[in-house]
Amino acid sequence: MNQKKEIKLEFYLTLFGGPFGVHKFYKKKIFMGILYFFTCGLFLFGWWIDSIKAGINYYKVLHNIPIKVKKRKPIQGCWWWLIN
């Protein structure tokens, strides 16, 4: 799937399925998806932030503005898998 379609799908999944964690399951972040599902999108605050971020990325793709991707450092310890 090309980047434009993928970002568009992610935007709509976040907008309409965000409180249920659909966009987190799509990104294969299972723990966060379960957390969003049982807390209604982190009490709608997390869903609101994710919707704004997805909307900004969708706008950038539509107008050919490059998207900066942050490279994360691997977290050391036994609980790193919970947040990935």
Protein backbone atom coordinates (compact mmCIF):
# COMPACT_ATOMS: atom_id res chain seq x y z
CA MET A 1 0.00 0.00 0.00
CA ASN A 2 1.43 3.40 -0.86
CA GLN A 3 2.06 6.05 1.77
CA LYS A 4 -0.90 8.27 0.83
CA LYS A 5 -3.44 5.46 1.17
CA GLU A 6 -1.85 4.18 4.36
CA ILE A 7 -1.93 7.61 6.03
CA LYS A 8 -5.52 8.15 4.86
CA LEU A 9 -6.59 4.78 6.29
CA GLU A 10 -4.79 5.53 9.55
CA PHE A 11 -6.52 8.92 9.78
CA TYR A 12 -10.00 7.45 9.34
CA LEU A 13 -9.31 4.55 11.70
CA THR A 14 -8.15 7.06 14.32
CA LEU A 15 -11.07 9.40 13.79
CA PHE A 16 -13.87 6.82 13.87
CA GLY A 17 -12.38 3.86 15.73
CA GLY A 18 -10.01 5.73 18.03
CA PRO A 19 -11.94 5.42 21.29
CA PHE A 20 -11.96 1.65 20.76
CA GLY A 21 -8.24 1.43 19.91
CA VAL A 22 -8.72 0.33 16.30
CA HIS A 23 -5.83 2.50 15.08
CA LYS A 24 -3.51 1.05 17.73
CA PHE A 25 -4.39 -2.52 16.73
CA TYR A 26 -3.76 -1.52 13.08
CA LYS A 27 -0.24 -0.36 14.03
CA LYS A 28 0.26 -3.68 15.89
CA LYS A 29 0.45 -1.99 19.29
CA ILE A 30 -1.70 -4.60 20.98
CA PHE A 31 -1.22 -3.47 24.59
CA MET A 32 -2.10 0.14 23.75
CA GLY A 33 -5.10 -1.07 21.73
CA ILE A 34 -6.42 -3.03 24.72
CA LEU A 35 -5.78 -0.04 26.98
CA TYR A 36 -7.65 2.30 24.60
CA PHE A 37 -10.50 -0.20 24.31
CA PHE A 38 -11.09 -0.53 28.05
CA THR A 39 -10.55 3.17 28.89
CA CYS A 40 -12.49 4.56 25.90
CA GLY A 41 -9.44 6.06 24.23
CA LEU A 42 -7.73 7.00 27.51
CA PHE A 43 -10.87 8.83 28.59
CA LEU A 44 -11.10 10.46 25.11
CA PHE A 45 -8.01 12.58 25.79
CA GLY A 46 -5.60 10.13 24.11
CA TRP A 47 -7.99 9.70 21.19
CA TRP A 48 -8.20 13.47 20.75
CA ILE A 49 -4.39 13.83 20.65
CA ASP A 50 -4.04 10.88 18.23
CA SER A 51 -6.74 12.34 15.96
CA ILE A 52 -4.90 15.66 15.76
CA LYS A 53 -1.59 13.92 14.98
CA ALA A 54 -3.20 11.73 12.31
CA GLY A 55 -4.94 14.76 10.80
CA ILE A 56 -1.66 16.67 10.60
CA ASN A 57 0.04 13.70 8.90
CA TYR A 58 -2.87 13.37 6.44
CA TYR A 59 -2.65 17.10 5.62
CA LYS A 60 1.11 16.80 5.05
CA VAL A 61 0.68 13.85 2.69
CA LEU A 62 -2.02 15.64 0.69
CA HIS A 63 0.18 18.72 0.25
CA ASN A 64 3.46 16.81 -0.32
CA ILE A 65 5.11 18.08 2.87
CA PRO A 66 7.68 15.60 4.19
CA ILE A 67 6.77 13.81 7.42
CA LYS A 68 9.52 13.64 10.02
CA VAL A 69 9.81 10.23 11.64
CA LYS A 70 11.42 10.07 15.06
CA LYS A 71 13.79 7.20 15.68
CA ARG A 72 13.26 5.76 19.13
CA LYS A 73 16.02 4.37 21.25
CA PRO A 74 15.29 0.86 22.49
CA ILE A 75 14.11 0.83 26.08
CA GLN A 76 16.09 -1.40 28.38
CA GLY A 77 14.35 -3.54 30.96
CA CYS A 78 11.75 -6.23 31.21
CA TRP A 79 8.69 -4.02 30.57
CA TRP A 80 9.68 -2.50 27.22
CA TRP A 81 7.20 -4.68 25.30
CA LEU A 82 4.25 -3.06 27.09
CA ILE A 83 4.66 0.28 25.35
CA ASN A 84 5.77 -0.93 21.91
